[in-house]
Amino acid sequence: MGSKDSVPEYITPAEVAREFGAGLTEQRLRQLRWLGDGPPYTKGGRSIRSRVYYTRADVAVWLNRNRIDPATTEPSQPNP
């Protein structure tokens, strides 16, 4: 059996929005899930109304993976 430290702490979409900000409202998270995008999540059941949970680590990894650094990003070219 694993120790309690190895079990990730799950947080709700409301907690993600409150703690991370970055445009991640509950509605935006719901939209990202529907589009098949966004941070990994876990559903607490099989029903369509099941609660959704995230881990802080998964949200942080997803945000960092989608980070854009203007110093290393080439400017987009205008469309002709």
Foldseek 3Di string as FASTA:
>chain_A
DDDPVVDFDKDAQCVCCVPPPPVSHSVVQVVQVVVVHAFDWDFPDDDPPTTIIDGPVRNVVSVVVPDDDPVPDDDDDDDD
